[in-house]
Amino acid sequence: MKPDTRPAHKPRGPAAGGAAGTARPKSARRRSRELALQGLYEWQISRADVGVVDAHMREQEEHAKCDNAHFVALLHGCIAQIDDLDALITPHLDRRVQELSPIEHGVLLIGGYELKHCVDIPYKVAINEAVELAKSFGGTDGHKYVNGVLDKIAPTLRPVEVAAQRNRRPAG
């Protein structure tokens, strides 16, 4: 019998250096998303002025390592455009927006905002980053819900990009 020469499967997740591991450092943009999510959570719970929430997030140790411009765009943009973003996600929900957990709502706001305004970020990356946020901060299967909702929003906001991606898939 010949020895198995196939490459070993590399596990993913925190134990393999994922979000909670140390092998792969977090990007500055990922850190900005995490801080923005924490800020959105605080804002949803307290309804404090966005300036107060922003100042509180800047006190966090992680702020020094984030992409500040992206953090500001996400936190301030999501709060300023909450009605528009909620209108964007609501048709794809199986419950009222008010029934979402603050984490799911915040992640959907960030994902929706990036899909709508951050065209330099490929739509698949925006969705994946939102899913990773939901995995790190949300409930057990919240990431699946976030993925499903953002997947339905993407064709509306990025029709050309989504169509191009779908046309690249091999027929099967």
C-alpha atoms as a PDB file:
ATOM      1  CA  MET A   1       0.000   0.000   0.000  1.00  0.00           C
ATOM      2  CA  LYS A   2       1.360   3.420  -0.958  1.00  0.00           C
ATOM      3  CA  PRO A   3       1.621   6.164   1.664  1.00  0.00           C
ATOM      4  CA  ASP A   4      -0.964   8.922   1.465  1.00  0.00           C
ATOM      5  CA  THR A   5       0.745  11.840  -0.261  1.00  0.00           C
ATOM      6  CA  ARG A   6      -2.281  14.105  -0.438  1.00  0.00           C
ATOM      7  CA  PRO A   7      -1.882  17.457   1.331  1.00  0.00           C
ATOM      8  CA  ALA A   8      -3.238  17.386   4.847  1.00  0.00           C
ATOM      9  CA  HIS A   9      -6.541  19.144   5.437  1.00  0.00           C
ATOM     10  CA  LYS A  10      -5.974  22.439   7.188  1.00  0.00           C
ATOM     11  CA  PRO A  11      -8.620  23.069   9.814  1.00  0.00           C
ATOM     12  CA  ARG A  12     -10.300  26.448   9.913  1.00  0.00           C
ATOM     13  CA  GLY A  13     -11.599  28.489  12.796  1.00  0.00           C
ATOM     14  CA  PRO A  14     -10.154  29.815  16.043  1.00  0.00           C
ATOM     15  CA  ALA A  15      -7.925  26.806  16.696  1.00  0.00           C
ATOM     16  CA  ALA A  16      -6.361  27.233  13.266  1.00  0.00           C
ATOM     17  CA  GLY A  17      -5.667  30.929  13.591  1.00  0.00           C
ATOM     18  CA  GLY A  18      -9.085  32.185  12.588  1.00  0.00           C
ATOM     19  CA  ALA A  19     -10.833  35.103  14.233  1.00  0.00           C
ATOM     20  CA  ALA A  20      -9.774  34.223  17.775  1.00  0.00           C
ATOM     21  CA  GLY A  21      -6.364  32.707  16.947  1.00  0.00           C
ATOM     22  CA  THR A  22      -2.975  34.290  16.530  1.00  0.00           C
ATOM     23  CA  ALA A  23      -1.696  32.697  13.307  1.00  0.00           C
ATOM     24  CA  ARG A  24      -3.509  35.133  11.030  1.00  0.00           C
ATOM     25  CA  PRO A  25      -3.687  38.693  12.365  1.00  0.00           C
ATOM     26  CA  LYS A  26      -6.886  40.645  11.877  1.00  0.00           C
ATOM     27  CA  SER A  27      -6.847  43.254   9.160  1.00  0.00           C
ATOM     28  CA  ALA A  28      -7.374  46.911  10.036  1.00  0.00           C
ATOM     29  CA  ARG A  29     -10.695  46.811   8.198  1.00  0.00           C
ATOM     30  CA  ARG A  30     -11.894  43.787  10.167  1.00  0.00           C
ATOM     31  CA  ARG A  31     -11.007  45.592  13.389  1.00  0.00           C
ATOM     32  CA  SER A  32     -12.948  48.653  12.199  1.00  0.00           C
ATOM     33  CA  ARG A  33     -15.987  46.455  11.501  1.00  0.00           C
ATOM     34  CA  GLU A  34     -15.736  44.899  14.963  1.00  0.00           C
ATOM     35  CA  LEU A  35     -15.529  48.308  16.638  1.00  0.00           C
ATOM     36  CA  ALA A  36     -18.370  49.651  14.513  1.00  0.00           C
ATOM     37  CA  LEU A  37     -20.491  46.640  15.502  1.00  0.00           C
ATOM     38  CA  GLN A  38     -19.747  47.242  19.169  1.00  0.00           C
ATOM     39  CA  GLY A  39     -20.637  50.894  18.702  1.00  0.00           C
ATOM     40  CA  LEU A  40     -23.879  50.029  16.921  1.00  0.00           C
ATOM     41  CA  TYR A  41     -24.739  47.627  19.737  1.00  0.00           C
ATOM     42  CA  GLU A  42     -24.135  50.363  22.317  1.00  0.00           C
ATOM     43  CA  TRP A  43     -26.170  52.843  20.274  1.00  0.00           C
ATOM     44  CA  GLN A  44     -29.094  50.430  19.837  1.00  0.00           C
ATOM     45  CA  ILE A  45     -29.210  49.727  23.567  1.00  0.00           C
ATOM     46  CA  SER A  46     -28.622  53.254  24.891  1.00  0.00           C
ATOM     47  CA  ARG A  47     -29.640  55.539  21.981  1.00  0.00           C
ATOM     48  CA  ALA A  48     -26.735  57.735  23.076  1.00  0.00           C
ATOM     49  CA  ASP A  49     -25.542  60.430  20.703  1.00  0.00           C
ATOM     50  CA  VAL A  50     -23.342  58.979  17.941  1.00  0.00           C
ATOM     51  CA  GLY A  51     -20.517  61.294  19.059  1.00  0.00           C
ATOM     52  CA  VAL A  52     -20.605  59.796  22.543  1.00  0.00           C
ATOM     53  CA  VAL A  53     -20.576  56.253  21.144  1.00  0.00           C
ATOM     54  CA  ASP A  54     -17.747  57.158  18.741  1.00  0.00           C
ATOM     55  CA  ALA A  55     -15.680  58.615  21.597  1.00  0.00           C
ATOM     56  CA  HIS A  56     -16.259  55.502  23.686  1.00  0.00           C
ATOM     57  CA  MET A  57     -15.118  53.226  20.850  1.00  0.00           C
ATOM     58  CA  ARG A  58     -11.981  55.333  20.361  1.00  0.00           C
ATOM     59  CA  GLU A  59     -11.056  54.572  23.975  1.00  0.00           C
ATOM     60  CA  GLN A  60     -10.873  50.864  23.165  1.00  0.00           C
ATOM     61  CA  GLU A  61      -7.390  49.417  22.765  1.00  0.00           C
ATOM     62  CA  GLU A  62      -8.339  47.917  19.376  1.00  0.00           C
ATOM     63  CA  HIS A  63      -9.030  51.365  17.909  1.00  0.00           C
ATOM     64  CA  ALA A  64      -5.322  52.042  17.434  1.00  0.00           C
ATOM     65  CA  LYS A  65      -5.141  49.030  15.092  1.00  0.00           C
ATOM     66  CA  CYS A  66      -8.263  49.738  13.022  1.00  0.00           C
ATOM     67  CA  ASP A  67      -8.868  51.561   9.754  1.00  0.00           C
ATOM     68  CA  ASN A  68     -10.265  54.720  11.331  1.00  0.00           C
ATOM     69  CA  ALA A  69     -11.815  56.084   8.139  1.00  0.00           C
ATOM     70  CA  HIS A  70     -13.724  52.823   7.603  1.00  0.00           C
ATOM     71  CA  PHE A  71     -14.778  52.713  11.262  1.00  0.00           C
ATOM     72  CA  VAL A  72     -16.163  56.262  11.035  1.00  0.00           C
ATOM     73  CA  ALA A  73     -17.942  55.528   7.750  1.00  0.00           C
ATOM     74  CA  LEU A  74     -19.569  52.391   9.180  1.00  0.00           C
ATOM     75  CA  LEU A  75     -20.581  53.709  12.590  1.00  0.00           C
ATOM     76  CA  HIS A  76     -21.780  57.141  11.494  1.00  0.00           C
ATOM     77  CA  GLY A  77     -23.134  55.925   8.137  1.00  0.00           C
ATOM     78  CA  CYS A  78     -25.191  53.080   9.607  1.00  0.00           C
ATOM     79  CA  ILE A  79     -26.705  55.330  12.269  1.00  0.00           C
ATOM     80  CA  ALA A  80     -27.390  58.203   9.866  1.00  0.00           C
ATOM     81  CA  GLN A  81     -28.947  55.854   7.296  1.00  0.00           C
ATOM     82  CA  ILE A  82     -30.663  53.396   9.623  1.00  0.00           C
ATOM     83  CA  ASP A  83     -34.114  53.957   8.104  1.00  0.00           C
ATOM     84  CA  ASP A  84     -32.834  53.378   4.547  1.00  0.00           C
ATOM     85  CA  LEU A  85     -30.780  50.352   5.576  1.00  0.00           C
ATOM     86  CA  ASP A  86     -33.683  48.870   7.538  1.00  0.00           C
ATOM     87  CA  ALA A  87     -35.925  49.374   4.491  1.00  0.00           C
ATOM     88  CA  LEU A  88     -33.320  47.516   2.427  1.00  0.00           C
ATOM     89  CA  ILE A  89     -33.121  44.480   4.731  1.00  0.00           C
ATOM     90  CA  THR A  90     -36.746  44.273   5.947  1.00  0.00           C
ATOM     91  CA  PRO A  91     -38.215  42.567   2.839  1.00  0.00           C
ATOM     92  CA  HIS A  92     -35.743  39.708   3.326  1.00  0.00           C
ATOM     93  CA  LEU A  93     -36.406  39.086   7.016  1.00  0.00           C
ATOM     94  CA  ASP A  94     -38.641  36.404   8.475  1.00  0.00           C
ATOM     95  CA  ARG A  95     -39.513  38.680  11.411  1.00  0.00           C
ATOM     96  CA  ARG A  96     -39.764  42.364  12.215  1.00  0.00           C
ATOM     97  CA  VAL A  97     -36.513  44.346  12.471  1.00  0.00           C
ATOM     98  CA  GLN A  98     -37.347  45.044  16.120  1.00  0.00           C
ATOM     99  CA  GLU A  99     -37.260  41.295  16.801  1.00  0.00           C
ATOM    100  CA  LEU A 100     -33.674  40.896  15.574  1.00  0.00           C
ATOM    101  CA  SER A 101     -30.990  40.666  18.219  1.00  0.00           C
ATOM    102  CA  PRO A 102     -28.930  43.883  18.407  1.00  0.00           C
ATOM    103  CA  ILE A 103     -25.940  41.927  17.095  1.00  0.00           C
ATOM    104  CA  GLU A 104     -27.782  40.501  14.067  1.00  0.00           C
ATOM    105  CA  HIS A 105     -29.260  43.920  13.355  1.00  0.00           C
ATOM    106  CA  GLY A 106     -25.865  45.610  13.655  1.00  0.00           C
ATOM    107  CA  VAL A 107     -24.178  43.051  11.412  1.00  0.00           C
ATOM    108  CA  LEU A 108     -26.928  43.401   8.794  1.00  0.00           C
ATOM    109  CA  LEU A 109     -26.582  47.195   8.939  1.00  0.00           C
ATOM    110  CA  ILE A 110     -22.822  46.957   8.403  1.00  0.00           C
ATOM    111  CA  GLY A 111     -23.195  44.405   5.607  1.00  0.00           C
ATOM    112  CA  GLY A 112     -25.923  46.440   3.944  1.00  0.00           C
ATOM    113  CA  TYR A 113     -23.917  49.640   4.272  1.00  0.00           C
ATOM    114  CA  GLU A 114     -20.810  48.058   2.740  1.00  0.00           C
ATOM    115  CA  LEU A 115     -22.805  46.547  -0.114  1.00  0.00           C
ATOM    116  CA  LYS A 116     -24.445  49.892  -0.818  1.00  0.00           C
ATOM    117  CA  HIS A 117     -21.552  52.319  -0.324  1.00  0.00           C
ATOM    118  CA  CYS A 118     -18.206  50.494  -0.332  1.00  0.00           C
ATOM    119  CA  VAL A 119     -17.939  49.434  -3.953  1.00  0.00           C
ATOM    120  CA  ASP A 120     -14.178  48.985  -3.540  1.00  0.00           C
ATOM    121  CA  ILE A 121     -15.010  45.926  -1.418  1.00  0.00           C
ATOM    122  CA  PRO A 122     -16.193  42.991  -3.553  1.00  0.00           C
ATOM    123  CA  TYR A 123     -19.718  41.981  -2.612  1.00  0.00           C
ATOM    124  CA  LYS A 124     -18.626  38.462  -1.623  1.00  0.00           C
ATOM    125  CA  VAL A 125     -16.034  39.942   0.739  1.00  0.00           C
ATOM    126  CA  ALA A 126     -18.614  42.274   2.299  1.00  0.00           C
ATOM    127  CA  ILE A 127     -20.956  39.334   2.888  1.00  0.00           C
ATOM    128  CA  ASN A 128     -18.169  37.101   4.204  1.00  0.00           C
ATOM    129  CA  GLU A 129     -16.972  39.787   6.609  1.00  0.00           C
ATOM    130  CA  ALA A 130     -20.519  40.204   7.931  1.00  0.00           C
ATOM    131  CA  VAL A 131     -20.804  36.434   8.365  1.00  0.00           C
ATOM    132  CA  GLU A 132     -17.504  36.397  10.281  1.00  0.00           C
ATOM    133  CA  LEU A 133     -18.765  39.196  12.546  1.00  0.00           C
ATOM    134  CA  ALA A 134     -21.916  37.201  13.233  1.00  0.00           C
ATOM    135  CA  LYS A 135     -19.857  34.095  14.011  1.00  0.00           C
ATOM    136  CA  SER A 136     -17.637  36.032  16.429  1.00  0.00           C
ATOM    137  CA  PHE A 137     -20.290  38.082  18.211  1.00  0.00           C
ATOM    138  CA  GLY A 138     -23.688  36.576  17.444  1.00  0.00           C
ATOM    139  CA  GLY A 139     -25.753  33.580  18.409  1.00  0.00           C
ATOM    140  CA  THR A 140     -25.120  30.008  17.323  1.00  0.00           C
ATOM    141  CA  ASP A 141     -26.673  30.121  13.849  1.00  0.00           C
ATOM    142  CA  GLY A 142     -26.934  33.892  13.431  1.00  0.00           C
ATOM    143  CA  HIS A 143     -24.248  33.832  10.748  1.00  0.00           C
ATOM    144  CA  LYS A 144     -26.447  31.638   8.527  1.00  0.00           C
ATOM    145  CA  TYR A 145     -29.299  34.108   8.844  1.00  0.00           C
ATOM    146  CA  VAL A 146     -27.020  37.064   8.066  1.00  0.00           C
ATOM    147  CA  ASN A 147     -25.612  35.240   5.043  1.00  0.00           C
ATOM    148  CA  GLY A 148     -29.095  34.489   3.683  1.00  0.00           C
ATOM    149  CA  VAL A 149     -30.339  38.056   4.074  1.00  0.00           C
ATOM    150  CA  LEU A 150     -27.247  39.711   2.579  1.00  0.00           C
ATOM    151  CA  ASP A 151     -27.215  37.196  -0.284  1.00  0.00           C
ATOM    152  CA  LYS A 152     -30.710  38.396  -1.205  1.00  0.00           C
ATOM    153  CA  ILE A 153     -29.744  42.079  -0.966  1.00  0.00           C
ATOM    154  CA  ALA A 154     -26.572  41.832  -3.075  1.00  0.00           C
ATOM    155  CA  PRO A 155     -28.273  41.431  -6.495  1.00  0.00           C
ATOM    156  CA  THR A 156     -30.280  44.610  -5.865  1.00  0.00           C
ATOM    157  CA  LEU A 157     -27.264  46.716  -4.867  1.00  0.00           C
ATOM    158  CA  ARG A 158     -24.589  45.108  -7.040  1.00  0.00           C
ATOM    159  CA  PRO A 159     -26.425  43.636 -10.045  1.00  0.00           C
ATOM    160  CA  VAL A 160     -23.502  43.761 -12.494  1.00  0.00           C
ATOM    161  CA  GLU A 161     -21.010  42.314 -10.030  1.00  0.00           C
ATOM    162  CA  VAL A 162     -23.373  39.519  -8.917  1.00  0.00           C
ATOM    163  CA  ALA A 163     -24.265  38.657 -12.535  1.00  0.00           C
ATOM    164  CA  ALA A 164     -20.591  38.539 -13.509  1.00  0.00           C
ATOM    165  CA  GLN A 165     -19.857  36.214 -10.583  1.00  0.00           C
ATOM    166  CA  ARG A 166     -22.764  33.926 -11.476  1.00  0.00           C
ATOM    167  CA  ASN A 167     -21.636  33.776 -15.119  1.00  0.00           C
ATOM    168  CA  ARG A 168     -18.176  32.645 -14.009  1.00  0.00           C
ATOM    169  CA  ARG A 169     -19.516  29.558 -12.255  1.00  0.00           C
ATOM    170  CA  PRO A 170     -18.970  26.350 -14.185  1.00  0.00           C
ATOM    171  CA  ALA A 171     -22.105  24.694 -15.496  1.00  0.00           C
ATOM    172  CA  GLY A 172     -22.934  21.675 -13.451  1.00  0.00           C
END
